[in-house]
Amino acid sequence: MIQAVAGKTIGAVLAERAATTPDAPFIHFGDDTITFADMQARASRAADGLRGAGIGHGDRIAIAAANSPDWLVAYFAAARIGAILVTLNVIYREHEFTYMLGQSGATLLLCDESAGGFDFRPFLADLAPQIPSVERTVFFGASDDDGWAALTASGTASDAPGDPAVSPDDPAVILYTSGTTGDPKGATLTHASLLASAAMQAERFEQGPDDVLLGALPFNHVGGLTCAVGSSLVAGGSVALLPRFHPDLVVDAATRGLTIFCGVPTMLRMLLASEAFAACDLSSVRLCVVGGSNLEPSLAEQVTERFGGPRLANLYGLSETSGASVISPASDSLAIVATTIGTPLDGVEARIVGDDGADLPRGEAGELQLRGACVAAGYWDKPAETAATFSDDGWLATGDIATMTDDGHLAVVARKKEMYVRGGYNVYPAEVENVLASDPAVAMCAVIGVPHATYGETGYAFVVPTPGTTVDVDRLMASCRTSLAEYKVPDAVEVVASLPMTPAGKIRKVLLEPTNRG
C-alpha cells in the first residue's frame, strides 16, 4: 500500500477511490452513509467555495469543530486547492485559540456554532481583537451568510484530483502539540507524510474494503485524522464516525458491523463499565487497537473476553509522525503486547541513542528516534524548535525514553519529559503552570500527573503563595477552565509553603507527593 500512495496527494487518492469504487461506503455517520463518490463531489464543490472566499495555495484555514462529514469535506477541499488546515479542538478556549490562530496566521476559521453547551459566536466576537489574522469566520450548521452551506452552495462537482500545482511535499495540516515551554508547536504534516503513515498502518493491519473502523478520536488528533480516516481511505474501507466518544454512541456504531476498534485505554475502561455495551454484539470485531499507552495485562484480558478474542495491538505514533509509526505485529502474543509497543512499521527506521547521539546497544535505555516518509516537515514557523527535533538526515527525536529488544520490539520506559496522558490526551504541565503563575497570588507552582482509575492520569497542582497574599483556589480553577481545554484543567490545587528544589534552582517534581487526593 505504501507504493500505491507514493508521489500522490490526498486529493489524488480520494479521486482514485471515487473513480474505482464510487459506490463503496466511506463514512457512516448516524443514519447517513457517504460513499467515496459522494465525498469527492462534496469536496470539489467546497473547494470552489473556498476559492471564492479568497483561499488559495498555502493559505491557512483553521477548523474548530466536532467530528462530522462536513469536517472531512473541509479537509479534502483544502487539500484539493493546496490550502493548509489548522486543526483545533472544540474544547480549546481563549489561550489555545489566540495562540494557535495567531501563530499559524490563519485567515479563515471554520467553527461549530456551539459544542458541549458552549456558544462560539459570542466567544469569537469577544476574541476578535486578539486574532487579527482571521478575516472571516464560517459556522457549520448556520443557515445565514456566515454558514458553511452558503459558502459551498455554488460549487461544481468534479472528478478531478484538484489543483495540479499541489505537490505531495506541500503542507496539508498544521496540528498543534504542546511544548515543554508551554508554547504549542504546530507539527507541519504534508500530503506525503499523512498518506505514508496511513498506508503503513493499513498494511500492518491488513485493512481492506470490508473493514469498518470505529472513528471515535477527534480529528485534531492524528488518531482520528490518520489512524481512522486516512488508513480507511487508502485501504478502501469505511469509518463508523462518532461526533465524540460515548459508550452509547459506540453501541450504535456497532450496528454497522465494526471490524476494527481503535481507541485509548480510557475508552476501553468506560466501555467495559457500560451496561449498554455489555449487551452489544461485537462478533464482527477482528482487531482491537490501543494507542496512547501499552495495553496492560488485566485490561487486555478483559478486552479479549468481552470482544470475543480479537487480535490485540498497540499503536505508537506522534503528531510529528503524522500518525502510526510503531505497531504490534500480528504474531505478537498477549505477553508481548502488554510489555512492548510493537515494532517499527515497514518503511520506518528506529534507533535508541544516548545523550551524545550515539547508538546504544540493544536493551539499553535511551531516546527513541524515528525516520521515515511519515515524519513531519518540522514545526510551523519555529526554526529553532524544528532544528532541535528534526535532524538534517531525517531522524525525529521523539523525546521518549525506550529500549529495543534483539528482534526489534520497542518498549517505552519513560514519558516524554514531564508530559502525562489524561484520557488519551497529552498534557504538558508547563502550559498549565503558565496559567496558574499568571495569578498575582501565586509565587511558584508545579503540576504533575497522578494515577486516576478512569483517565489513567490526571493533573494535580501545587502552588506557593506570594508573601502577604492568600491563594484563592476557586479563582485559580476558574482561570484554568477559562484559558485551557477541559482535559488540561488540574483535578486539584494544593497550597504549600514551598517546593523541593535542585541546587540549580529547578523544581524537583519527583519529590512532590499529593496530600489532598480523595
Protein backbone atom coordinates (compact mmCIF):
# COMPACT_ATOMS: atom_id res chain seq x y z
CA MET A 1 0.00 0.00 0.00
CA ILE A 2 2.92 2.33 0.61
CA GLN A 3 3.92 2.21 -3.05
CA ALA A 4 0.30 2.82 -4.06
CA VAL A 5 0.26 6.28 -2.44
CA ALA A 6 3.87 7.29 -3.11
CA GLY A 7 4.10 10.52 -5.07
CA LYS A 8 0.40 11.30 -4.69
CA THR A 9 -1.62 13.99 -2.98
CA ILE A 10 -4.61 13.49 -0.69
CA GLY A 11 -6.87 14.84 -3.42
CA ALA A 12 -5.49 12.35 -5.92
CA VAL A 13 -6.05 9.36 -3.63
CA LEU A 14 -9.67 10.37 -2.93
CA ALA A 15 -10.28 10.92 -6.66
CA GLU A 16 -8.91 7.45 -7.40
CA ARG A 17 -11.18 5.88 -4.80
CA ALA A 18 -14.17 7.75 -6.21
CA ALA A 19 -13.31 6.51 -9.70
CA THR A 20 -12.59 2.85 -8.88
CA THR A 21 -15.15 2.20 -6.12
CA PRO A 22 -17.61 5.12 -6.36
CA ASP A 23 -20.45 3.42 -4.51
CA ALA A 24 -18.36 1.92 -1.72
CA PRO A 25 -19.20 3.35 1.72
CA PHE A 26 -16.57 5.66 3.19
CA ILE A 27 -18.19 7.41 6.15
CA HIS A 28 -21.08 6.17 8.27
CA PHE A 29 -22.44 8.97 10.45
CA GLY A 30 -25.64 8.30 12.35
CA ASP A 31 -28.14 7.07 9.81
CA ASP A 32 -26.22 8.51 6.85
CA THR A 33 -23.67 6.79 4.65
CA ILE A 34 -21.34 8.77 2.41
CA THR A 35 -19.67 6.96 -0.45
CA PHE A 36 -16.28 7.79 -1.91
CA ALA A 37 -18.03 9.39 -4.90
CA ASP A 38 -20.21 11.46 -2.54
CA MET A 39 -17.16 12.71 -0.65
CA GLN A 40 -15.36 13.57 -3.88
CA ALA A 41 -18.33 15.58 -5.12
CA ARG A 42 -18.79 17.43 -1.82
CA ALA A 43 -15.09 18.20 -1.54
CA SER A 44 -14.84 19.59 -5.07
CA ARG A 45 -17.88 21.84 -4.51
CA ALA A 46 -16.44 23.04 -1.20
CA ALA A 47 -13.08 23.72 -2.86
CA ASP A 48 -14.84 26.08 -5.27
CA GLY A 49 -16.44 27.82 -2.30
CA LEU A 50 -13.08 28.26 -0.59
CA ARG A 51 -11.56 29.70 -3.75
CA GLY A 52 -14.50 32.09 -3.98
CA ALA A 53 -13.72 33.19 -0.41
CA GLY A 54 -10.20 34.09 -1.49
CA ILE A 55 -8.45 30.99 -0.14
CA GLY A 56 -5.60 29.67 -2.25
CA HIS A 57 -2.45 27.56 -2.27
CA GLY A 58 -0.57 27.86 1.03
CA ASP A 59 -3.28 29.79 2.88
CA ARG A 60 -4.18 28.55 6.35
CA ILE A 61 -7.75 27.56 7.25
CA ALA A 62 -8.40 26.85 10.92
CA ILE A 63 -11.15 24.44 11.92
CA ALA A 64 -12.67 24.01 15.36
CA ALA A 65 -15.49 21.51 15.16
CA ALA A 66 -16.63 18.12 16.37
CA ASN A 67 -16.12 15.13 14.11
CA SER A 68 -18.59 15.25 11.23
CA PRO A 69 -18.80 14.68 7.48
CA ASP A 70 -18.55 18.47 6.99
CA TRP A 71 -15.22 18.44 8.86
CA LEU A 72 -13.89 15.91 6.38
CA VAL A 73 -15.33 17.77 3.40
CA ALA A 74 -13.38 20.84 4.55
CA TYR A 75 -10.23 18.72 4.93
CA PHE A 76 -10.43 17.22 1.45
CA ALA A 77 -11.48 20.57 -0.07
CA ALA A 78 -8.46 22.33 1.44
CA ALA A 79 -6.20 19.53 0.20
CA ARG A 80 -7.56 19.93 -3.35
CA ILE A 81 -6.51 23.59 -3.57
CA GLY A 82 -3.29 23.31 -1.57
CA ALA A 83 -4.59 25.19 1.47
CA ILE A 84 -3.37 24.12 4.91
CA LEU A 85 -5.86 23.03 7.55
CA VAL A 86 -5.06 24.17 11.10
CA THR A 87 -6.82 21.67 13.36
CA LEU A 88 -8.22 22.95 16.66
CA ASN A 89 -10.22 21.13 19.29
CA VAL A 90 -13.72 22.38 20.16
CA ILE A 91 -12.77 22.16 23.83
CA TYR A 92 -9.99 24.71 23.35
CA ARG A 93 -10.62 28.12 24.85
CA GLU A 94 -9.08 31.60 24.86
CA HIS A 95 -5.43 30.69 25.38
CA GLU A 96 -5.35 27.99 22.69
CA PHE A 97 -7.43 29.89 20.14
CA THR A 98 -5.47 33.11 20.49
CA TYR A 99 -2.06 31.50 20.25
CA MET A 100 -2.76 28.92 17.54
CA LEU A 101 -4.72 31.20 15.24
CA GLY A 102 -2.12 33.91 15.59
CA GLN A 103 0.93 31.68 15.25
CA SER A 104 -0.42 29.89 12.18
CA GLY A 105 -1.63 33.09 10.52
CA ALA A 106 -5.00 31.51 9.70
CA THR A 107 -7.19 33.85 7.62
CA LEU A 108 -10.38 31.76 7.68
CA LEU A 109 -11.90 30.00 10.70
CA LEU A 110 -14.45 27.19 10.30
CA CYS A 111 -16.24 26.57 13.57
CA ASP A 112 -19.23 24.89 15.17
CA GLU A 113 -21.83 27.36 16.40
CA SER A 114 -21.88 25.53 19.71
CA ALA A 115 -20.32 22.45 21.26
CA GLY A 116 -20.98 20.85 24.62
CA GLY A 117 -23.22 23.75 25.61
CA PHE A 118 -20.55 26.35 24.77
CA ASP A 119 -21.65 29.11 22.37
CA PHE A 120 -18.83 30.05 19.99
CA ARG A 121 -20.43 33.11 18.35
CA PRO A 122 -20.13 35.49 21.33
CA PHE A 123 -16.84 33.90 22.36
CA LEU A 124 -15.26 34.57 18.97
CA ALA A 125 -16.80 38.04 18.74
CA ASP A 126 -15.11 38.97 22.01
CA LEU A 127 -11.88 37.32 20.89
CA ALA A 128 -11.73 39.08 17.50
CA PRO A 129 -9.30 41.86 18.57
CA GLN A 130 -6.82 39.20 19.69
CA ILE A 131 -6.93 37.22 16.42
CA PRO A 132 -6.33 39.90 13.73
CA SER A 133 -5.22 37.44 11.04
CA VAL A 134 -8.70 35.85 10.92
CA GLU A 135 -10.61 37.76 8.24
CA ARG A 136 -13.75 35.64 8.27
CA THR A 137 -15.46 33.03 10.42
CA VAL A 138 -17.80 30.46 8.88
CA PHE A 139 -20.08 28.41 11.11
CA PHE A 140 -21.09 24.82 10.46
CA GLY A 141 -24.82 24.30 10.67
CA ALA A 142 -25.65 28.00 10.33
CA SER A 143 -28.39 28.96 7.88
CA ASP A 144 -27.23 32.54 7.26
CA ASP A 145 -24.48 34.01 5.09
CA ASP A 146 -21.92 33.03 7.74
CA GLY A 147 -22.76 29.35 7.26
CA TRP A 148 -20.76 26.57 5.66
CA ALA A 149 -23.75 25.61 3.48
CA ALA A 150 -23.85 29.10 1.96
CA LEU A 151 -20.11 29.09 1.30
CA THR A 152 -20.21 25.78 -0.57
CA ALA A 153 -23.62 26.02 -2.26
CA SER A 154 -22.47 27.31 -5.65
CA GLY A 155 -19.56 24.93 -6.23
CA THR A 156 -19.33 22.35 -9.01
CA ALA A 157 -18.78 18.63 -8.53
CA SER A 158 -15.68 17.35 -10.30
CA ASP A 159 -13.93 14.00 -10.62
CA ALA A 160 -10.51 15.66 -10.97
CA PRO A 161 -7.92 15.24 -8.17
CA GLY A 162 -7.68 19.01 -7.58
CA ASP A 163 -5.21 21.73 -8.45
CA PRO A 164 -2.30 20.17 -10.38
CA ALA A 165 0.05 22.64 -8.69
CA VAL A 166 -0.45 20.85 -5.36
CA SER A 167 2.59 18.69 -4.54
CA PRO A 168 2.90 15.66 -2.22
CA ASP A 169 5.51 17.63 -0.27
CA ASP A 170 3.14 20.55 0.32
CA PRO A 171 1.86 21.03 3.87
CA ALA A 172 -1.70 19.76 4.31
CA VAL A 173 -2.23 20.08 8.07
CA ILE A 174 -0.83 22.07 10.97
CA LEU A 175 -1.54 20.09 14.12
CA TYR A 176 -0.55 21.69 17.39
CA THR A 177 1.26 19.74 20.04
CA SER A 178 2.17 21.48 23.29
CA GLY A 179 5.81 22.05 24.18
CA THR A 180 7.67 21.89 27.47
CA THR A 181 7.97 25.69 27.43
CA GLY A 182 4.20 25.95 27.41
CA ASP A 183 4.05 27.32 23.84
CA PRO A 184 2.34 24.86 21.46
CA LYS A 185 4.22 23.84 18.33
CA GLY A 186 2.46 23.28 15.03
CA ALA A 187 3.61 19.99 13.52
CA THR A 188 3.55 20.52 9.77
CA LEU A 189 2.12 17.38 8.15
CA THR A 190 2.44 17.05 4.39
CA HIS A 191 0.27 15.18 1.92
CA ALA A 192 3.08 12.64 1.62
CA SER A 193 3.65 12.16 5.35
CA LEU A 194 -0.07 11.74 6.13
CA LEU A 195 -0.56 9.21 3.35
CA ALA A 196 2.62 7.32 4.25
CA SER A 197 1.57 6.79 7.87
CA ALA A 198 -1.94 5.80 6.81
CA ALA A 199 -0.67 3.32 4.23
CA MET A 200 1.90 1.74 6.55
CA GLN A 201 -0.77 1.26 9.23
CA ALA A 202 -3.23 -0.22 6.73
CA GLU A 203 -0.57 -2.64 5.57
CA ARG A 204 0.34 -3.79 9.10
CA PHE A 205 -3.35 -4.29 9.98
CA GLU A 206 -4.21 -5.83 6.60
CA GLN A 207 -7.04 -3.32 6.25
CA GLY A 208 -9.27 -3.76 3.24
CA PRO A 209 -12.57 -2.69 1.64
CA ASP A 210 -14.63 -4.84 4.02
CA ASP A 211 -13.26 -3.25 7.17
CA VAL A 212 -15.34 -0.85 9.25
CA LEU A 213 -13.19 1.11 11.69
CA LEU A 214 -14.53 2.98 14.71
CA GLY A 215 -13.81 6.71 14.38
CA ALA A 216 -14.14 7.97 17.95
CA LEU A 217 -10.97 10.05 18.32
CA PRO A 218 -11.14 13.76 17.38
CA PHE A 219 -9.86 14.91 14.01
CA ASN A 220 -7.49 17.45 15.54
CA HIS A 221 -5.58 14.37 16.71
CA VAL A 222 -3.70 12.06 14.33
CA GLY A 223 -5.60 9.18 15.93
CA GLY A 224 -8.77 10.44 14.30
CA LEU A 225 -7.43 12.04 11.14
CA THR A 226 -4.82 9.49 10.04
CA CYS A 227 -5.31 6.28 12.01
CA ALA A 228 -9.06 6.23 11.31
CA VAL A 229 -9.90 8.25 8.18
CA GLY A 230 -6.54 8.16 6.40
CA SER A 231 -5.99 4.42 6.74
CA SER A 232 -9.57 3.71 5.61
CA LEU A 233 -9.11 5.99 2.59
CA VAL A 234 -6.00 4.21 1.34
CA ALA A 235 -7.46 0.76 2.13
CA GLY A 236 -10.85 1.46 0.61
CA GLY A 237 -12.67 0.68 3.85
CA SER A 238 -15.15 2.71 5.86
CA VAL A 239 -15.32 4.60 9.15
CA ALA A 240 -18.18 4.44 11.64
CA LEU A 241 -17.75 8.06 12.67
CA LEU A 242 -18.77 9.44 16.06
CA PRO A 243 -19.06 13.17 16.86
CA ARG A 244 -17.41 12.37 20.18
CA PHE A 245 -16.70 9.32 22.28
CA HIS A 246 -19.50 7.95 24.46
CA PRO A 247 -20.31 4.29 25.20
CA ASP A 248 -23.89 4.68 23.93
CA LEU A 249 -22.61 6.05 20.61
CA VAL A 250 -20.22 3.12 20.27
CA VAL A 251 -23.16 0.76 20.77
CA ASP A 252 -24.96 2.48 17.89
CA ALA A 253 -21.84 2.33 15.72
CA ALA A 254 -21.53 -1.40 16.37
CA THR A 255 -24.66 -1.96 14.29
CA ARG A 256 -22.54 -1.03 11.26
CA GLY A 257 -20.58 -4.26 11.71
CA LEU A 258 -17.38 -2.90 13.23
CA THR A 259 -14.31 -4.92 12.36
CA ILE A 260 -11.64 -2.65 13.91
CA PHE A 261 -11.91 -0.92 17.27
CA CYS A 262 -9.40 1.90 17.61
CA GLY A 263 -9.16 3.90 20.83
CA VAL A 264 -7.23 4.55 24.04
CA PRO A 265 -7.28 2.65 27.36
CA THR A 266 -9.68 5.15 28.94
CA MET A 267 -12.25 4.42 26.23
CA LEU A 268 -11.97 0.70 26.85
CA ARG A 269 -12.42 1.09 30.59
CA MET A 270 -15.51 3.23 30.09
CA LEU A 271 -16.95 0.74 27.61
CA LEU A 272 -16.35 -2.22 29.88
CA ALA A 273 -18.16 -0.39 32.68
CA SER A 274 -21.18 0.46 30.48
CA GLU A 275 -24.37 -1.56 30.89
CA ALA A 276 -25.45 -0.76 27.34
CA PHE A 277 -22.14 -2.00 25.96
CA ALA A 278 -22.47 -5.25 27.90
CA ALA A 279 -25.26 -6.33 25.55
CA CYS A 280 -23.56 -5.11 22.37
CA ASP A 281 -22.84 -7.62 19.59
CA LEU A 282 -19.09 -7.48 18.92
CA SER A 283 -18.76 -10.68 16.94
CA SER A 284 -17.61 -8.79 13.84
CA VAL A 285 -14.61 -7.16 15.58
CA ARG A 286 -11.39 -8.80 14.38
CA LEU A 287 -8.90 -6.26 15.71
CA CYS A 288 -8.70 -4.09 18.83
CA VAL A 289 -6.12 -1.29 18.59
CA VAL A 290 -4.96 0.69 21.60
CA GLY A 291 -2.99 3.92 21.33
CA GLY A 292 -1.61 6.30 23.92
CA SER A 293 -0.05 3.66 26.19
CA ASN A 294 0.56 -0.07 26.45
CA LEU A 295 -2.45 -2.32 26.85
CA GLU A 296 -1.74 -3.51 30.38
CA PRO A 297 -2.35 -7.24 31.12
CA SER A 298 -5.55 -7.10 33.21
CA LEU A 299 -7.26 -4.75 30.75
CA ALA A 300 -6.08 -6.90 27.85
CA GLU A 301 -7.69 -9.95 29.43
CA GLN A 302 -10.99 -8.12 29.93
CA VAL A 303 -10.94 -6.87 26.33
CA THR A 304 -10.17 -10.33 24.99
CA GLU A 305 -13.09 -11.82 26.90
CA ARG A 306 -15.61 -9.09 26.06
CA PHE A 307 -14.66 -8.72 22.38
CA GLY A 308 -14.55 -12.47 21.80
CA GLY A 309 -10.82 -12.96 21.30
CA PRO A 310 -9.82 -10.45 18.60
CA ARG A 311 -6.26 -9.65 17.68
CA LEU A 312 -4.87 -7.06 20.12
CA ALA A 313 -2.35 -4.45 19.04
CA ASN A 314 -0.63 -1.39 20.44
CA LEU A 315 -0.21 1.63 18.20
CA TYR A 316 2.50 4.21 18.88
CA GLY A 317 2.54 7.45 16.99
CA LEU A 318 3.13 11.15 17.41
CA SER A 319 1.84 14.31 15.81
CA GLU A 320 5.36 14.53 14.39
CA THR A 321 4.99 11.14 12.68
CA SER A 322 1.62 12.07 11.13
CA GLY A 323 0.05 9.05 12.84
CA ALA A 324 1.19 5.49 13.43
CA SER A 325 4.89 4.65 13.29
CA VAL A 326 5.19 1.58 15.58
CA ILE A 327 2.55 -1.18 15.84
CA SER A 328 2.37 -4.66 17.35
CA PRO A 329 2.84 -7.33 14.66
CA ALA A 330 0.07 -9.90 14.21
CA SER A 331 2.33 -12.61 15.63
CA ASP A 332 2.78 -10.88 19.00
CA SER A 333 1.49 -12.77 22.00
CA LEU A 334 -0.57 -11.12 24.71
CA ALA A 335 2.53 -11.02 26.91
CA ILE A 336 4.48 -9.12 24.24
CA VAL A 337 1.59 -6.72 23.59
CA ALA A 338 1.46 -6.00 27.33
CA THR A 339 5.16 -5.18 27.58
CA THR A 340 6.09 -3.50 24.26
CA ILE A 341 4.59 -1.01 21.83
CA GLY A 342 5.45 -3.22 18.87
CA THR A 343 7.94 -2.92 16.03
CA PRO A 344 8.54 -0.09 13.53
CA LEU A 345 6.25 -0.19 10.52
CA ASP A 346 7.70 -1.19 7.18
CA GLY A 347 9.28 1.99 5.90
CA VAL A 348 10.14 3.31 9.37
CA GLU A 349 13.61 3.10 10.93
CA ALA A 350 14.11 3.24 14.69
CA ARG A 351 17.17 3.69 16.85
CA ILE A 352 17.95 4.24 20.53
CA VAL A 353 20.57 6.88 21.23
CA GLY A 354 22.40 8.19 24.27
CA ASP A 355 22.90 11.77 25.36
CA ASP A 356 25.79 12.07 22.91
CA GLY A 357 23.60 10.99 19.99
CA ALA A 358 25.42 7.69 19.51
CA ASP A 359 23.51 4.44 19.01
CA LEU A 360 23.12 2.36 22.16
CA PRO A 361 23.34 -1.45 22.36
CA ARG A 362 20.10 -3.45 22.35
CA GLY A 363 18.47 -3.47 25.76
CA GLU A 364 19.90 -0.15 26.95
CA ALA A 365 17.51 2.74 27.59
CA GLY A 366 17.90 5.94 25.62
CA GLU A 367 15.97 8.33 23.45
CA LEU A 368 13.82 6.77 20.73
CA GLN A 369 14.43 8.31 17.30
CA LEU A 370 12.46 7.52 14.15
CA ARG A 371 12.99 8.10 10.45
CA GLY A 372 10.67 7.52 7.51
CA ALA A 373 8.28 9.06 5.00
CA CYS A 374 5.71 9.62 7.75
CA VAL A 375 7.87 12.15 9.62
CA ALA A 376 6.51 15.71 9.53
CA ALA A 377 8.25 18.57 7.76
CA GLY A 378 9.00 20.30 11.06
CA TYR A 379 7.21 22.86 13.23
CA TRP A 380 5.36 25.70 11.57
CA ASP A 381 7.42 28.90 11.67
CA LYS A 382 9.64 27.63 14.51
CA PRO A 383 13.09 27.04 13.01
CA ALA A 384 14.92 26.62 16.33
CA GLU A 385 12.47 24.03 17.65
CA THR A 386 12.49 22.26 14.28
CA ALA A 387 16.29 22.05 14.27
CA ALA A 388 16.27 20.65 17.82
CA THR A 389 13.82 17.86 16.99
CA PHE A 390 14.24 17.07 13.28
CA SER A 391 17.76 16.26 12.11
CA ASP A 392 19.11 17.15 8.67
CA ASP A 393 19.36 13.45 7.81
CA GLY A 394 15.71 12.75 8.61
CA TRP A 395 15.75 11.50 12.21
CA LEU A 396 12.98 12.62 14.55
CA ALA A 397 13.91 12.91 18.22
CA THR A 398 10.74 11.69 19.98
CA GLY A 399 11.86 12.66 23.48
CA ASP A 400 10.59 9.28 24.73
CA ILE A 401 12.99 7.02 26.58
CA ALA A 402 12.79 3.47 25.26
CA THR A 403 14.61 0.17 24.88
CA MET A 404 14.85 -2.13 21.88
CA THR A 405 14.99 -5.93 22.01
CA ASP A 406 17.14 -8.06 19.76
CA ASP A 407 14.16 -8.74 17.49
CA GLY A 408 13.33 -5.05 17.14
CA HIS A 409 10.47 -4.67 19.62
CA LEU A 410 10.33 -1.32 21.39
CA ALA A 411 9.29 -0.57 24.96
CA VAL A 412 8.80 2.98 26.22
CA VAL A 413 10.15 3.23 29.76
CA ALA A 414 9.70 6.94 30.50
CA ARG A 415 7.29 9.62 29.46
CA LYS A 416 8.27 12.42 27.13
CA LYS A 417 9.84 14.88 29.56
CA GLU A 418 7.13 15.82 32.06
CA MET A 419 4.11 15.06 29.90
CA TYR A 420 1.26 12.98 31.26
CA VAL A 421 -1.69 11.46 29.40
CA ARG A 422 -5.23 12.15 30.62
CA GLY A 423 -7.83 10.05 28.86
CA GLY A 424 -5.72 9.76 25.73
CA TYR A 425 -4.84 13.48 25.59
CA ASN A 426 -1.26 14.63 26.11
CA VAL A 427 -0.93 17.31 28.80
CA TYR A 428 2.26 19.32 29.19
CA PRO A 429 2.47 20.75 32.73
CA ALA A 430 4.27 23.91 31.63
CA GLU A 431 1.22 25.11 29.73
CA VAL A 432 -0.97 24.71 32.84
CA GLU A 433 1.71 26.22 35.07
CA ASN A 434 1.82 29.33 32.89
CA VAL A 435 -1.88 29.93 33.57
CA LEU A 436 -1.52 29.33 37.32
CA ALA A 437 1.54 31.57 37.55
CA SER A 438 -0.34 34.47 35.95
CA ASP A 439 -2.31 34.88 39.20
CA PRO A 440 -0.61 37.54 41.37
CA ALA A 441 -1.16 35.42 44.49
CA VAL A 442 0.97 32.58 43.08
CA ALA A 443 4.71 32.88 43.63
CA MET A 444 5.61 29.43 42.33
CA CYS A 445 3.74 26.40 41.02
CA ALA A 446 4.20 22.88 39.72
CA VAL A 447 1.82 20.47 38.00
CA ILE A 448 2.29 16.70 37.89
CA GLY A 449 0.31 13.76 36.59
CA VAL A 450 -1.13 11.38 39.18
CA PRO A 451 -2.83 8.00 38.68
CA HIS A 452 -6.58 8.01 38.02
CA ALA A 453 -8.89 4.99 37.81
CA THR A 454 -10.80 6.22 34.77
CA TYR A 455 -8.49 8.58 32.89
CA GLY A 456 -5.19 6.81 33.54
CA GLU A 457 -3.60 10.03 34.78
CA THR A 458 -4.90 13.45 35.75
CA GLY A 459 -3.36 16.75 36.77
CA TYR A 460 -2.51 17.82 40.31
CA ALA A 461 -1.18 21.32 41.02
CA PHE A 462 1.00 22.65 43.84
CA VAL A 463 1.11 26.41 44.39
CA VAL A 464 3.22 28.55 46.71
CA PRO A 465 1.58 31.85 47.74
CA THR A 466 3.18 35.21 47.13
CA PRO A 467 4.26 36.63 50.54
CA GLY A 468 1.45 38.51 52.22
CA THR A 469 -1.29 37.04 49.99
CA THR A 470 -3.83 34.25 50.18
CA VAL A 471 -4.34 31.89 47.25
CA ASP A 472 -7.95 31.65 46.08
CA VAL A 473 -8.11 28.05 44.81
CA ASP A 474 -11.57 28.54 43.28
CA ARG A 475 -10.27 31.54 41.33
CA LEU A 476 -7.30 29.51 40.05
CA MET A 477 -9.55 26.69 38.90
CA ALA A 478 -11.89 29.14 37.19
CA SER A 479 -8.93 30.74 35.41
CA CYS A 480 -7.78 27.34 34.16
CA ARG A 481 -11.25 26.49 32.89
CA THR A 482 -11.45 29.78 31.03
CA SER A 483 -7.99 29.60 29.48
CA LEU A 484 -7.46 25.90 28.86
CA ALA A 485 -9.18 22.89 27.36
CA GLU A 486 -11.06 20.92 29.99
CA TYR A 487 -8.70 17.94 29.95
CA LYS A 488 -5.78 20.22 30.90
CA VAL A 489 -7.51 21.62 34.00
CA PRO A 490 -5.99 20.00 37.12
CA ASP A 491 -8.31 17.98 39.30
CA ALA A 492 -6.94 19.61 42.44
CA VAL A 493 -4.81 22.52 43.62
CA GLU A 494 -2.80 22.15 46.82
CA VAL A 495 -1.39 25.25 48.54
CA VAL A 496 2.07 24.57 50.01
CA ALA A 497 4.66 26.66 51.81
CA SER A 498 7.49 25.67 49.46
CA LEU A 499 8.52 23.30 46.68
CA PRO A 500 11.57 20.97 46.66
CA MET A 501 14.36 22.47 44.56
CA THR A 502 17.56 21.25 42.93
CA PRO A 503 20.88 23.02 43.51
CA ALA A 504 20.41 24.60 40.09
CA GLY A 505 17.12 26.14 41.20
CA LYS A 506 14.74 23.79 39.36
CA ILE A 507 11.70 22.22 40.98
CA ARG A 508 12.27 18.56 41.86
CA LYS A 509 8.89 17.24 40.77
CA VAL A 510 9.89 13.66 41.54
CA LEU A 511 9.65 14.54 45.24
CA LEU A 512 6.16 16.02 45.04
CA GLU A 513 3.52 13.94 46.77
CA PRO A 514 -0.16 14.97 46.80
CA THR A 515 -1.86 15.07 50.21
CA ASN A 516 -5.40 16.03 49.23
CA ARG A 517 -6.31 13.23 46.84
CA GLY A 518 -9.60 11.59 47.63
